[in-house]
Amino acid sequence: MAMVAGIFCVYGVLLLLFNHASQPITILVAVPLAAGSAFGALLVTGLDISLSVLIGLILLIGIAVKNSILLVDYAVMADGNGMSRHEALMDACHKRARPVIMTTMAMGAGMMPIALGLTADASFRMPMAVAVIGGLITSTVLSLVVVPAAFTLVDDAEALVLRKLRRRTIGHVTNLSND
């Protein structure tokens, strides 16, 4: 319940920040990638889902969203400065990959002693660390590929819907003026 509420809150904040309904959807594409790979890491290591894993997933969702915001925000700014959408996305991935990878490496390094069981109460904390590390690695790699692709798809879908609405509105106005 907390994760779903958190995702809706993040969507609301992003909606206010971007003043656009489609960019938050693009950003939130990274959430299932992170969660899926976190569960995959638990499956590979044979660890069970516990309360600490769910806490780690909330943390992971925040980091995955932050990484996506870095990419999408830069692409939107570059697109607004006259770059084509493709160039803006390529430039965003090129220039924002370093901060995204640095965040992943810092979180992974911080969680590694916990994942290896080198801390007190390892049985409680280890599954959380494994889930976060697994989610970070996969979501970072995939967010540099999937988020730009999702940005393109959502942008194309939005343009299609707007074209159809304009045609319908123009047709409706034309019919009213002919009457």
C-alpha atoms as a PDB file:
ATOM      1  CA  MET A   1       0.000   0.000   0.000  1.00  0.00           C
ATOM      2  CA  ALA A   2       2.853   2.397   0.840  1.00  0.00           C
ATOM      3  CA  MET A   3       4.541   1.716  -2.495  1.00  0.00           C
ATOM      4  CA  VAL A   4       1.385   2.392  -4.474  1.00  0.00           C
ATOM      5  CA  ALA A   5       0.709   5.568  -2.486  1.00  0.00           C
ATOM      6  CA  GLY A   6       4.320   6.618  -3.007  1.00  0.00           C
ATOM      7  CA  ILE A   7       4.073   6.086  -6.761  1.00  0.00           C
ATOM      8  CA  PHE A   8       0.892   8.179  -6.935  1.00  0.00           C
ATOM      9  CA  CYS A   9       2.545  10.921  -4.868  1.00  0.00           C
ATOM     10  CA  VAL A  10       5.602  10.859  -7.129  1.00  0.00           C
ATOM     11  CA  TYR A  11       3.329  11.098 -10.178  1.00  0.00           C
ATOM     12  CA  GLY A  12       1.542  14.082  -8.651  1.00  0.00           C
ATOM     13  CA  VAL A  13       4.780  15.897  -7.850  1.00  0.00           C
ATOM     14  CA  LEU A  14       6.183  15.175 -11.308  1.00  0.00           C
ATOM     15  CA  LEU A  15       2.961  16.381 -12.873  1.00  0.00           C
ATOM     16  CA  LEU A  16       3.360  19.681 -11.038  1.00  0.00           C
ATOM     17  CA  LEU A  17       7.047  19.961 -11.911  1.00  0.00           C
ATOM     18  CA  PHE A  18       6.771  19.170 -15.607  1.00  0.00           C
ATOM     19  CA  ASN A  19       3.309  20.705 -16.217  1.00  0.00           C
ATOM     20  CA  HIS A  20       2.806  17.807 -18.567  1.00  0.00           C
ATOM     21  CA  ALA A  21       0.996  14.499 -18.101  1.00  0.00           C
ATOM     22  CA  SER A  22       3.185  12.320 -20.323  1.00  0.00           C
ATOM     23  CA  GLN A  23       6.671  12.937 -18.891  1.00  0.00           C
ATOM     24  CA  PRO A  24       5.794  11.498 -15.442  1.00  0.00           C
ATOM     25  CA  ILE A  25       4.550   8.340 -17.135  1.00  0.00           C
ATOM     26  CA  THR A  26       7.864   8.070 -18.970  1.00  0.00           C
ATOM     27  CA  ILE A  27       9.764   8.526 -15.715  1.00  0.00           C
ATOM     28  CA  LEU A  28       7.721   5.903 -13.869  1.00  0.00           C
ATOM     29  CA  VAL A  29       8.568   3.270 -16.516  1.00  0.00           C
ATOM     30  CA  ALA A  30      11.736   2.595 -14.506  1.00  0.00           C
ATOM     31  CA  VAL A  31       9.787   1.421 -11.438  1.00  0.00           C
ATOM     32  CA  PRO A  32       8.736  -2.013 -12.766  1.00  0.00           C
ATOM     33  CA  LEU A  33      12.256  -2.544 -14.096  1.00  0.00           C
ATOM     34  CA  ALA A  34      13.726  -1.951 -10.654  1.00  0.00           C
ATOM     35  CA  ALA A  35      11.165  -4.070  -8.818  1.00  0.00           C
ATOM     36  CA  GLY A  36      11.418  -6.966 -11.274  1.00  0.00           C
ATOM     37  CA  SER A  37      15.174  -7.149 -11.051  1.00  0.00           C
ATOM     38  CA  ALA A  38      15.076  -6.875  -7.252  1.00  0.00           C
ATOM     39  CA  PHE A  39      12.841  -9.932  -7.071  1.00  0.00           C
ATOM     40  CA  GLY A  40      15.095 -11.662  -9.594  1.00  0.00           C
ATOM     41  CA  ALA A  41      18.135 -11.048  -7.367  1.00  0.00           C
ATOM     42  CA  LEU A  42      16.260 -12.541  -4.426  1.00  0.00           C
ATOM     43  CA  LEU A  43      15.323 -15.564  -6.520  1.00  0.00           C
ATOM     44  CA  VAL A  44      18.907 -16.101  -7.680  1.00  0.00           C
ATOM     45  CA  THR A  45      20.286 -15.864  -4.140  1.00  0.00           C
ATOM     46  CA  GLY A  46      17.502 -17.954  -2.621  1.00  0.00           C
ATOM     47  CA  LEU A  47      16.435 -15.295  -0.136  1.00  0.00           C
ATOM     48  CA  ASP A  48      12.843 -14.736   0.928  1.00  0.00           C
ATOM     49  CA  ILE A  49      10.722 -11.621   0.651  1.00  0.00           C
ATOM     50  CA  SER A  50      10.473  -9.932   4.038  1.00  0.00           C
ATOM     51  CA  LEU A  51       9.635  -6.574   5.544  1.00  0.00           C
ATOM     52  CA  SER A  52      13.186  -5.387   5.002  1.00  0.00           C
ATOM     53  CA  VAL A  53      12.884  -6.229   1.287  1.00  0.00           C
ATOM     54  CA  LEU A  54       9.761  -4.102   1.008  1.00  0.00           C
ATOM     55  CA  ILE A  55      11.565  -1.208   2.722  1.00  0.00           C
ATOM     56  CA  GLY A  56      14.428  -1.694   0.275  1.00  0.00           C
ATOM     57  CA  LEU A  57      11.953  -1.620  -2.639  1.00  0.00           C
ATOM     58  CA  ILE A  58      10.672   1.773  -1.511  1.00  0.00           C
ATOM     59  CA  LEU A  59      14.264   3.015  -1.467  1.00  0.00           C
ATOM     60  CA  LEU A  60      14.884   1.437  -4.862  1.00  0.00           C
ATOM     61  CA  ILE A  61      11.818   3.068  -6.385  1.00  0.00           C
ATOM     62  CA  GLY A  62      13.088   6.462  -5.260  1.00  0.00           C
ATOM     63  CA  ILE A  63      16.501   5.928  -6.804  1.00  0.00           C
ATOM     64  CA  ALA A  64      15.090   4.543 -10.062  1.00  0.00           C
ATOM     65  CA  VAL A  65      12.751   7.525 -10.360  1.00  0.00           C
ATOM     66  CA  LYS A  66      15.619   9.931  -9.654  1.00  0.00           C
ATOM     67  CA  ASN A  67      17.697   8.364 -12.419  1.00  0.00           C
ATOM     68  CA  SER A  68      14.804   8.646 -14.864  1.00  0.00           C
ATOM     69  CA  ILE A  69      14.181  12.260 -13.878  1.00  0.00           C
ATOM     70  CA  LEU A  70      17.796  13.077 -14.703  1.00  0.00           C
ATOM     71  CA  LEU A  71      17.395  11.657 -18.205  1.00  0.00           C
ATOM     72  CA  VAL A  72      13.943  12.965 -19.032  1.00  0.00           C
ATOM     73  CA  ASP A  73      14.478  16.440 -17.594  1.00  0.00           C
ATOM     74  CA  TYR A  74      17.663  16.925 -19.588  1.00  0.00           C
ATOM     75  CA  ALA A  75      16.018  15.593 -22.770  1.00  0.00           C
ATOM     76  CA  VAL A  76      13.042  17.940 -22.333  1.00  0.00           C
ATOM     77  CA  MET A  77      15.368  20.918 -21.814  1.00  0.00           C
ATOM     78  CA  ALA A  78      17.488  19.977 -24.839  1.00  0.00           C
ATOM     79  CA  ASP A  79      14.362  19.447 -26.947  1.00  0.00           C
ATOM     80  CA  GLY A  80      13.126  22.881 -25.896  1.00  0.00           C
ATOM     81  CA  ASN A  81      16.444  24.403 -26.961  1.00  0.00           C
ATOM     82  CA  GLY A  82      15.945  23.357 -30.568  1.00  0.00           C
ATOM     83  CA  MET A  83      17.459  19.866 -30.687  1.00  0.00           C
ATOM     84  CA  SER A  84      15.537  17.112 -32.382  1.00  0.00           C
ATOM     85  CA  ARG A  85      13.995  14.558 -30.064  1.00  0.00           C
ATOM     86  CA  HIS A  86      16.516  11.896 -31.061  1.00  0.00           C
ATOM     87  CA  GLU A  87      19.480  14.207 -30.549  1.00  0.00           C
ATOM     88  CA  ALA A  88      18.084  15.385 -27.210  1.00  0.00           C
ATOM     89  CA  LEU A  89      17.687  11.811 -25.969  1.00  0.00           C
ATOM     90  CA  MET A  90      21.151  10.791 -27.145  1.00  0.00           C
ATOM     91  CA  ASP A  91      22.664  13.866 -25.508  1.00  0.00           C
ATOM     92  CA  ALA A  92      20.728  13.210 -22.289  1.00  0.00           C
ATOM     93  CA  CYS A  93      21.916   9.612 -22.117  1.00  0.00           C
ATOM     94  CA  HIS A  94      25.479  10.643 -22.877  1.00  0.00           C
ATOM     95  CA  LYS A  95      25.632  13.479 -20.354  1.00  0.00           C
ATOM     96  CA  ARG A  96      23.473  11.986 -17.594  1.00  0.00           C
ATOM     97  CA  ALA A  97      24.828   8.435 -17.686  1.00  0.00           C
ATOM     98  CA  ARG A  98      27.712   9.363 -15.415  1.00  0.00           C
ATOM     99  CA  PRO A  99      25.597  10.677 -12.493  1.00  0.00           C
ATOM    100  CA  VAL A 100      23.229   7.723 -12.882  1.00  0.00           C
ATOM    101  CA  ILE A 101      26.101   5.220 -12.788  1.00  0.00           C
ATOM    102  CA  MET A 102      27.758   7.048  -9.894  1.00  0.00           C
ATOM    103  CA  THR A 103      24.559   6.792  -7.844  1.00  0.00           C
ATOM    104  CA  THR A 104      24.303   3.093  -8.605  1.00  0.00           C
ATOM    105  CA  MET A 105      27.914   2.431  -7.691  1.00  0.00           C
ATOM    106  CA  ALA A 106      27.690   4.417  -4.443  1.00  0.00           C
ATOM    107  CA  MET A 107      24.495   2.646  -3.347  1.00  0.00           C
ATOM    108  CA  GLY A 108      25.859  -0.745  -4.392  1.00  0.00           C
ATOM    109  CA  ALA A 109      29.106  -0.187  -2.510  1.00  0.00           C
ATOM    110  CA  GLY A 110      27.209   0.965   0.554  1.00  0.00           C
ATOM    111  CA  MET A 111      24.943  -2.072   0.491  1.00  0.00           C
ATOM    112  CA  MET A 112      27.663  -4.631  -0.296  1.00  0.00           C
ATOM    113  CA  PRO A 113      28.763  -5.289   3.339  1.00  0.00           C
ATOM    114  CA  ILE A 114      25.128  -5.807   4.290  1.00  0.00           C
ATOM    115  CA  ALA A 115      24.527  -8.128   1.313  1.00  0.00           C
ATOM    116  CA  LEU A 116      27.594 -10.165   2.250  1.00  0.00           C
ATOM    117  CA  GLY A 117      26.332 -10.529   5.813  1.00  0.00           C
ATOM    118  CA  LEU A 118      29.233  -8.633   7.381  1.00  0.00           C
ATOM    119  CA  THR A 119      26.986  -6.566   9.658  1.00  0.00           C
ATOM    120  CA  ALA A 120      24.963  -7.262  12.763  1.00  0.00           C
ATOM    121  CA  ASP A 121      21.555  -8.830  12.220  1.00  0.00           C
ATOM    122  CA  ALA A 122      22.460 -10.002   8.731  1.00  0.00           C
ATOM    123  CA  SER A 123      19.431 -12.291   8.494  1.00  0.00           C
ATOM    124  CA  PHE A 124      17.101  -9.284   8.557  1.00  0.00           C
ATOM    125  CA  ARG A 125      19.134  -6.853   6.458  1.00  0.00           C
ATOM    126  CA  MET A 126      20.727  -9.144   3.878  1.00  0.00           C
ATOM    127  CA  PRO A 127      17.596  -9.682   1.734  1.00  0.00           C
ATOM    128  CA  MET A 128      17.039  -5.903   1.583  1.00  0.00           C
ATOM    129  CA  ALA A 129      20.603  -5.269   0.413  1.00  0.00           C
ATOM    130  CA  VAL A 130      20.473  -8.041  -2.195  1.00  0.00           C
ATOM    131  CA  ALA A 131      17.165  -6.719  -3.545  1.00  0.00           C
ATOM    132  CA  VAL A 132      18.450  -3.137  -3.704  1.00  0.00           C
ATOM    133  CA  ILE A 133      21.725  -4.097  -5.393  1.00  0.00           C
ATOM    134  CA  GLY A 134      19.981  -6.346  -7.920  1.00  0.00           C
ATOM    135  CA  GLY A 135      17.364  -3.711  -8.646  1.00  0.00           C
ATOM    136  CA  LEU A 136      19.947  -0.957  -8.992  1.00  0.00           C
ATOM    137  CA  ILE A 137      22.155  -2.810 -11.426  1.00  0.00           C
ATOM    138  CA  THR A 138      19.415  -3.884 -13.776  1.00  0.00           C
ATOM    139  CA  SER A 139      17.333  -0.738 -13.541  1.00  0.00           C
ATOM    140  CA  THR A 140      20.375   1.443 -14.249  1.00  0.00           C
ATOM    141  CA  VAL A 141      21.316  -0.477 -17.358  1.00  0.00           C
ATOM    142  CA  LEU A 142      17.741  -0.716 -18.565  1.00  0.00           C
ATOM    143  CA  SER A 143      16.831   2.870 -17.694  1.00  0.00           C
ATOM    144  CA  LEU A 144      19.530   4.137 -20.037  1.00  0.00           C
ATOM    145  CA  VAL A 145      17.825   2.152 -22.816  1.00  0.00           C
ATOM    146  CA  VAL A 146      14.159   1.751 -21.870  1.00  0.00           C
ATOM    147  CA  VAL A 147      13.432   5.262 -20.540  1.00  0.00           C
ATOM    148  CA  PRO A 148      14.533   6.973 -23.792  1.00  0.00           C
ATOM    149  CA  ALA A 149      12.529   4.432 -25.787  1.00  0.00           C
ATOM    150  CA  ALA A 150       9.504   5.021 -23.552  1.00  0.00           C
ATOM    151  CA  PHE A 151       9.985   8.777 -23.947  1.00  0.00           C
ATOM    152  CA  THR A 152       9.815   8.352 -27.721  1.00  0.00           C
ATOM    153  CA  LEU A 153       6.738   6.109 -27.574  1.00  0.00           C
ATOM    154  CA  VAL A 154       4.858   8.327 -25.132  1.00  0.00           C
ATOM    155  CA  ASP A 155       5.757  11.445 -27.108  1.00  0.00           C
ATOM    156  CA  ASP A 156       4.558   9.822 -30.353  1.00  0.00           C
ATOM    157  CA  ALA A 157       1.327   8.637 -28.694  1.00  0.00           C
ATOM    158  CA  GLU A 158       0.714  12.109 -27.294  1.00  0.00           C
ATOM    159  CA  ALA A 159       1.271  13.707 -30.715  1.00  0.00           C
ATOM    160  CA  LEU A 160      -1.147  11.215 -32.298  1.00  0.00           C
ATOM    161  CA  VAL A 161      -3.852  11.917 -29.731  1.00  0.00           C
ATOM    162  CA  LEU A 162      -3.404  15.676 -30.109  1.00  0.00           C
ATOM    163  CA  ARG A 163      -3.633  15.406 -33.920  1.00  0.00           C
ATOM    164  CA  LYS A 164      -6.858  13.419 -33.673  1.00  0.00           C
ATOM    165  CA  LEU A 165      -8.322  15.865 -31.168  1.00  0.00           C
ATOM    166  CA  ARG A 166      -7.425  18.815 -33.401  1.00  0.00           C
ATOM    167  CA  ARG A 167      -9.011  17.163 -36.423  1.00  0.00           C
ATOM    168  CA  ARG A 168     -12.135  16.404 -34.448  1.00  0.00           C
ATOM    169  CA  THR A 169     -12.282  19.965 -33.080  1.00  0.00           C
ATOM    170  CA  ILE A 170     -11.647  21.527 -36.500  1.00  0.00           C
ATOM    171  CA  GLY A 171     -14.276  19.258 -38.063  1.00  0.00           C
ATOM    172  CA  HIS A 172     -16.765  20.144 -35.332  1.00  0.00           C
ATOM    173  CA  VAL A 173     -16.095  23.896 -35.744  1.00  0.00           C
ATOM    174  CA  THR A 174     -16.425  23.578 -39.540  1.00  0.00           C
ATOM    175  CA  ASN A 175     -19.766  21.770 -39.180  1.00  0.00           C
ATOM    176  CA  LEU A 176     -21.031  24.451 -36.785  1.00  0.00           C
ATOM    177  CA  SER A 177     -20.017  27.254 -39.149  1.00  0.00           C
ATOM    178  CA  ASN A 178     -21.750  25.534 -42.113  1.00  0.00           C
ATOM    179  CA  ASP A 179     -25.017  25.303 -40.188  1.00  0.00           C
END
